[in-house]
C-alpha atoms as a PDB file:
ATOM      1  CA  MET A   1      -4.898  28.463  -0.219  1.00  0.00           C
ATOM      2  CA  ARG A   2      -8.286  27.764  -1.633  1.00  0.00           C
ATOM      3  CA  LEU A   3      -8.716  24.356  -0.084  1.00  0.00           C
ATOM      4  CA  THR A   4     -12.373  24.383   0.878  1.00  0.00           C
ATOM      5  CA  THR A   5     -14.564  21.795   2.549  1.00  0.00           C
ATOM      6  CA  LYS A   6     -14.898  20.135  -0.860  1.00  0.00           C
ATOM      7  CA  GLY A   7     -11.241  19.087  -0.857  1.00  0.00           C
ATOM      8  CA  ARG A   8     -11.194  18.274   2.858  1.00  0.00           C
ATOM      9  CA  TYR A   9     -14.350  16.172   2.642  1.00  0.00           C
ATOM     10  CA  ALA A  10     -13.067  14.367  -0.448  1.00  0.00           C
ATOM     11  CA  VAL A  11      -9.866  13.359   1.355  1.00  0.00           C
ATOM     12  CA  THR A  12     -11.839  12.337   4.459  1.00  0.00           C
ATOM     13  CA  ALA A  13     -14.284  10.263   2.405  1.00  0.00           C
ATOM     14  CA  MET A  14     -11.465   8.575   0.487  1.00  0.00           C
ATOM     15  CA  LEU A  15      -9.712   7.674   3.747  1.00  0.00           C
ATOM     16  CA  ASP A  16     -12.954   6.202   5.069  1.00  0.00           C
ATOM     17  CA  LEU A  17     -13.412   4.299   1.826  1.00  0.00           C
ATOM     18  CA  GLY A  18      -9.817   3.070   1.974  1.00  0.00           C
ATOM     19  CA  PHE A  19     -10.333   1.666   5.466  1.00  0.00           C
ATOM     20  CA  HIS A  20     -13.686   0.035   4.883  1.00  0.00           C
ATOM     21  CA  SER A  21     -13.619  -1.144   1.253  1.00  0.00           C
ATOM     22  CA  ARG A  22     -10.889  -3.695   1.976  1.00  0.00           C
ATOM     23  CA  VAL A  23     -13.622  -6.168   2.941  1.00  0.00           C
ATOM     24  CA  LYS A  24     -16.546  -5.100   0.755  1.00  0.00           C
ATOM     25  CA  PRO A  25     -17.813  -2.092  -1.195  1.00  0.00           C
ATOM     26  CA  VAL A  26     -18.889   0.825   0.989  1.00  0.00           C
ATOM     27  CA  THR A  27     -22.117   2.762   0.624  1.00  0.00           C
ATOM     28  CA  LEU A  28     -22.128   6.535   0.675  1.00  0.00           C
ATOM     29  CA  THR A  29     -24.691   6.325   3.470  1.00  0.00           C
ATOM     30  CA  ASP A  30     -22.128   4.498   5.619  1.00  0.00           C
ATOM     31  CA  ILE A  31     -19.472   7.131   4.887  1.00  0.00           C
ATOM     32  CA  ALA A  32     -21.976   9.929   5.558  1.00  0.00           C
ATOM     33  CA  THR A  33     -22.861   8.377   8.916  1.00  0.00           C
ATOM     34  CA  ARG A  34     -19.273   7.849  10.068  1.00  0.00           C
ATOM     35  CA  GLN A  35     -17.955  11.193   8.834  1.00  0.00           C
ATOM     36  CA  THR A  36     -21.073  13.352   9.376  1.00  0.00           C
ATOM     37  CA  ILE A  37     -21.009  14.561   5.793  1.00  0.00           C
ATOM     38  CA  SER A  38     -24.228  15.193   3.907  1.00  0.00           C
ATOM     39  CA  LEU A  39     -25.171  12.282   1.646  1.00  0.00           C
ATOM     40  CA  SER A  40     -26.051  14.608  -1.243  1.00  0.00           C
ATOM     41  CA  TYR A  41     -22.666  16.325  -0.903  1.00  0.00           C
ATOM     42  CA  LEU A  42     -20.908  12.947  -0.958  1.00  0.00           C
ATOM     43  CA  GLU A  43     -22.828  12.005  -4.100  1.00  0.00           C
ATOM     44  CA  GLN A  44     -21.471  15.115  -5.824  1.00  0.00           C
ATOM     45  CA  LEU A  45     -17.924  14.409  -4.654  1.00  0.00           C
ATOM     46  CA  PHE A  46     -18.032  10.748  -5.680  1.00  0.00           C
ATOM     47  CA  SER A  47     -19.319  11.672  -9.107  1.00  0.00           C
ATOM     48  CA  ARG A  48     -16.115  13.667  -9.587  1.00  0.00           C
ATOM     49  CA  LEU A  49     -13.922  11.017  -7.964  1.00  0.00           C
ATOM     50  CA  ARG A  50     -15.444   8.409 -10.276  1.00  0.00           C
ATOM     51  CA  ARG A  51     -14.783  10.594 -13.347  1.00  0.00           C
ATOM     52  CA  ALA A  52     -11.162  10.931 -12.214  1.00  0.00           C
ATOM     53  CA  ASN A  53     -10.943   7.107 -11.995  1.00  0.00           C
ATOM     54  CA  LEU A  54     -10.136   7.135  -8.281  1.00  0.00           C
ATOM     55  CA  VAL A  55     -13.191   5.095  -7.261  1.00  0.00           C
ATOM     56  CA  VAL A  56     -15.456   2.550  -8.916  1.00  0.00           C
ATOM     57  CA  GLY A  57     -19.072   1.820  -8.167  1.00  0.00           C
ATOM     58  CA  VAL A  58     -20.276  -1.711  -7.561  1.00  0.00           C
ATOM     59  CA  ARG A  59     -23.929  -2.327  -8.400  1.00  0.00           C
ATOM     60  CA  GLY A  60     -26.395  -4.720  -6.870  1.00  0.00           C
ATOM     61  CA  PRO A  61     -26.953  -6.083  -3.394  1.00  0.00           C
ATOM     62  CA  GLY A  62     -23.928  -5.394  -1.249  1.00  0.00           C
ATOM     63  CA  GLY A  63     -22.886  -2.708  -3.708  1.00  0.00           C
ATOM     64  CA  GLY A  64     -21.248   0.599  -3.020  1.00  0.00           C
ATOM     65  CA  TYR A  65     -17.870   2.074  -3.826  1.00  0.00           C
ATOM     66  CA  LYS A  66     -14.295   0.904  -3.642  1.00  0.00           C
ATOM     67  CA  LEU A  67     -10.947   2.352  -4.619  1.00  0.00           C
ATOM     68  CA  SER A  68     -10.178   1.890  -8.306  1.00  0.00           C
ATOM     69  CA  LYS A  69      -6.493   1.194  -7.617  1.00  0.00           C
ATOM     70  CA  GLU A  70      -4.107   0.565  -4.765  1.00  0.00           C
ATOM     71  CA  ALA A  71      -4.239   3.227  -2.052  1.00  0.00           C
ATOM     72  CA  ASN A  72      -0.469   3.710  -2.339  1.00  0.00           C
ATOM     73  CA  SER A  73      -0.881   4.890  -5.931  1.00  0.00           C
ATOM     74  CA  ILE A  74      -3.417   7.622  -5.070  1.00  0.00           C
ATOM     75  CA  SER A  75      -1.861  10.857  -3.848  1.00  0.00           C
ATOM     76  CA  ILE A  76      -3.732  13.329  -1.674  1.00  0.00           C
ATOM     77  CA  SER A  77      -3.133  15.819  -4.460  1.00  0.00           C
ATOM     78  CA  ASP A  78      -4.942  13.475  -6.906  1.00  0.00           C
ATOM     79  CA  ILE A  79      -8.005  13.531  -4.649  1.00  0.00           C
ATOM     80  CA  ILE A  80      -8.010  17.297  -4.210  1.00  0.00           C
ATOM     81  CA  LEU A  81      -7.556  17.949  -7.921  1.00  0.00           C
ATOM     82  CA  ALA A  82     -10.295  15.427  -8.794  1.00  0.00           C
ATOM     83  CA  VAL A  83     -12.898  17.555  -7.017  1.00  0.00           C
ATOM     84  CA  ASP A  84     -11.693  20.726  -8.782  1.00  0.00           C
ATOM     85  CA  GLU A  85      -9.754  22.177  -5.894  1.00  0.00           C
ATOM     86  CA  GLN A  86      -6.550  24.063  -6.512  1.00  0.00           C
ATOM     87  CA  VAL A  87      -3.630  24.554  -4.189  1.00  0.00           C
ATOM     88  CA  ASP A  88      -3.088  28.260  -4.712  1.00  0.00           C
ATOM     89  CA  LEU A  89      -2.015  30.634  -1.965  1.00  0.00           C
ATOM     90  CA  THR A  90      -1.910  33.716  -4.177  1.00  0.00           C
ATOM     91  CA  ASN A  91      -4.698  36.270  -4.380  1.00  0.00           C
ATOM     92  CA  CYS A  92      -4.403  36.389  -8.165  1.00  0.00           C
ATOM     93  CA  GLU A  93      -4.932  32.703  -8.969  1.00  0.00           C
ATOM     94  CA  LYS A  94      -1.278  32.496 -10.112  1.00  0.00           C
ATOM     95  CA  LYS A  95      -1.903  35.082 -12.872  1.00  0.00           C
ATOM     96  CA  ALA A  96       0.643  37.605 -11.546  1.00  0.00           C
ATOM     97  CA  ASN A  97      -1.869  40.434 -11.851  1.00  0.00           C
ATOM     98  CA  CYS A  98      -2.269  41.012  -8.114  1.00  0.00           C
ATOM     99  CA  GLN A  99      -1.598  44.742  -8.089  1.00  0.00           C
ATOM    100  CA  ASN A 100      -2.803  46.933 -10.931  1.00  0.00           C
ATOM    101  CA  GLY A 101      -2.296  44.112 -13.425  1.00  0.00           C
ATOM    102  CA  GLN A 102       1.243  43.427 -12.219  1.00  0.00           C
ATOM    103  CA  PRO A 103       2.708  41.062  -9.607  1.00  0.00           C
ATOM    104  CA  CYS A 104       2.560  42.319  -6.027  1.00  0.00           C
ATOM    105  CA  LEU A 105       5.575  42.433  -3.714  1.00  0.00           C
ATOM    106  CA  THR A 106       4.817  39.011  -2.213  1.00  0.00           C
ATOM    107  CA  HIS A 107       3.662  37.200  -5.365  1.00  0.00           C
ATOM    108  CA  ASP A 108       6.763  34.997  -5.615  1.00  0.00           C
ATOM    109  CA  LEU A 109       6.569  34.169  -1.913  1.00  0.00           C
ATOM    110  CA  TRP A 110       2.993  32.856  -2.250  1.00  0.00           C
ATOM    111  CA  MET A 111       3.819  31.066  -5.511  1.00  0.00           C
ATOM    112  CA  GLY A 112       6.705  29.300  -3.769  1.00  0.00           C
ATOM    113  CA  LEU A 113       4.516  28.316  -0.831  1.00  0.00           C
ATOM    114  CA  SER A 114       1.818  27.044  -3.221  1.00  0.00           C
ATOM    115  CA  SER A 115       4.444  24.912  -4.947  1.00  0.00           C
ATOM    116  CA  THR A 116       5.712  23.553  -1.608  1.00  0.00           C
ATOM    117  CA  VAL A 117       2.194  22.635  -0.466  1.00  0.00           C
ATOM    118  CA  SER A 118       1.437  21.011  -3.836  1.00  0.00           C
ATOM    119  CA  ASN A 119       4.632  18.968  -3.689  1.00  0.00           C
ATOM    120  CA  TYR A 120       3.845  17.930  -0.118  1.00  0.00           C
ATOM    121  CA  LEU A 121       0.354  16.713  -1.044  1.00  0.00           C
ATOM    122  CA  GLU A 122       1.700  14.932  -4.141  1.00  0.00           C
ATOM    123  CA  GLY A 123       4.221  13.157  -1.935  1.00  0.00           C
ATOM    124  CA  ILE A 124       1.644  11.683   0.456  1.00  0.00           C
ATOM    125  CA  SER A 125      -0.361   8.697  -0.686  1.00  0.00           C
ATOM    126  CA  LEU A 126      -3.710   7.582   0.618  1.00  0.00           C
ATOM    127  CA  GLY A 127      -1.985   4.327   1.540  1.00  0.00           C
ATOM    128  CA  GLN A 128       0.520   6.145   3.746  1.00  0.00           C
ATOM    129  CA  LEU A 129      -2.272   7.853   5.665  1.00  0.00           C
ATOM    130  CA  LEU A 130      -4.135   4.557   6.052  1.00  0.00           C
ATOM    131  CA  GLU A 131      -1.077   3.130   7.821  1.00  0.00           C
ATOM    132  CA  GLU A 132      -0.635   5.989  10.313  1.00  0.00           C
ATOM    133  CA  ALA A 133      -1.445   4.932  13.887  1.00  0.00           C
ATOM    134  CA  ASP A 134      -3.329   8.143  14.704  1.00  0.00           C
ATOM    135  CA  VAL A 135      -5.490   7.835  11.604  1.00  0.00           C
ATOM    136  CA  LYS A 136      -6.209   4.168  12.371  1.00  0.00           C
ATOM    137  CA  ALA A 137      -7.186   5.071  15.952  1.00  0.00           C
ATOM    138  CA  VAL A 138      -9.662   7.700  14.748  1.00  0.00           C
ATOM    139  CA  ALA A 139     -11.192   5.268  12.239  1.00  0.00           C
ATOM    140  CA  GLU A 140     -11.592   2.627  14.952  1.00  0.00           C
ATOM    141  CA  ARG A 141     -13.177   5.178  17.300  1.00  0.00           C
ATOM    142  CA  GLN A 142     -15.618   6.242  14.580  1.00  0.00           C
ATOM    143  CA  ASP A 143     -16.572   2.617  13.933  1.00  0.00           C
ATOM    144  CA  ALA A 144     -17.153   2.079  17.661  1.00  0.00           C
ATOM    145  CA  ASP A 145     -19.236   5.270  17.866  1.00  0.00           C
ATOM    146  CA  VAL A 146     -21.434   4.149  14.976  1.00  0.00           C
ATOM    147  CA  GLN A 147     -21.828   0.668  16.508  1.00  0.00           C
ATOM    148  CA  GLN A 148     -22.801   2.205  19.835  1.00  0.00           C
ATOM    149  CA  VAL A 149     -25.442   4.398  18.182  1.00  0.00           C
ATOM    150  CA  MET A 150     -26.768   1.401  16.237  1.00  0.00           C
ATOM    151  CA  HIS A 151     -26.850  -0.708  19.403  1.00  0.00           C
ATOM    152  CA  PHE A 152     -28.685   2.035  21.299  1.00  0.00           C
ATOM    153  CA  THR A 153     -31.184   2.417  18.474  1.00  0.00           C
ATOM    154  CA  ASP A 154     -31.751  -1.339  18.415  1.00  0.00           C
ATOM    155  CA  ASN A 155     -32.305  -1.437  22.186  1.00  0.00           C
ATOM    156  CA  GLU A 156     -34.659   1.516  21.931  1.00  0.00           C
ATOM    157  CA  THR A 157     -36.632  -0.213  19.210  1.00  0.00           C
ATOM    158  CA  LEU A 158     -36.661  -3.402  21.251  1.00  0.00           C
ATOM    159  CA  GLY A 159     -37.844  -1.464  24.316  1.00  0.00           C
ATOM    160  CA  MET A 160     -40.691   0.133  22.343  1.00  0.00           C
ATOM    161  CA  ALA A 161     -41.677  -3.253  20.941  1.00  0.00           C
ATOM    162  CA  LEU A 162     -41.835  -4.757  24.444  1.00  0.00           C
ATOM    163  CA  LYS A 163     -44.147  -2.018  25.771  1.00  0.00           C
END
């Protein structure tokens, strides 16, 4: 399966966006901080997600990104495909030319598994993941971690100012 960090990061960023854009648009800097993903990498991903009409940008003060439609109508497959990832477990990119221009012995096996994985990802919506208790717990922990770092930084700044 050629699911690289691009697809994984896109799904992670969309989950983060789904959690936090319910109140207001979310900046890529905020997502980068919570998810420890490079800001420049997120900019590339969101350019593709925007072109696929999965997110919309909001300009001006308080701007950022939000989902372009309900989270329940965005499949994980939609996200992965939007950033040009393919779910393909074959070595031949589904061309059936794996061995001397012909299918190999296991070509159909890997094609079937690719189809199963694709169907699985098509059957899971972003909204479903947002409702999972484990996913919610991780998001809450990440928010607390960021708040703790911000609080520490503020105290450190305050301490330096008092010296």
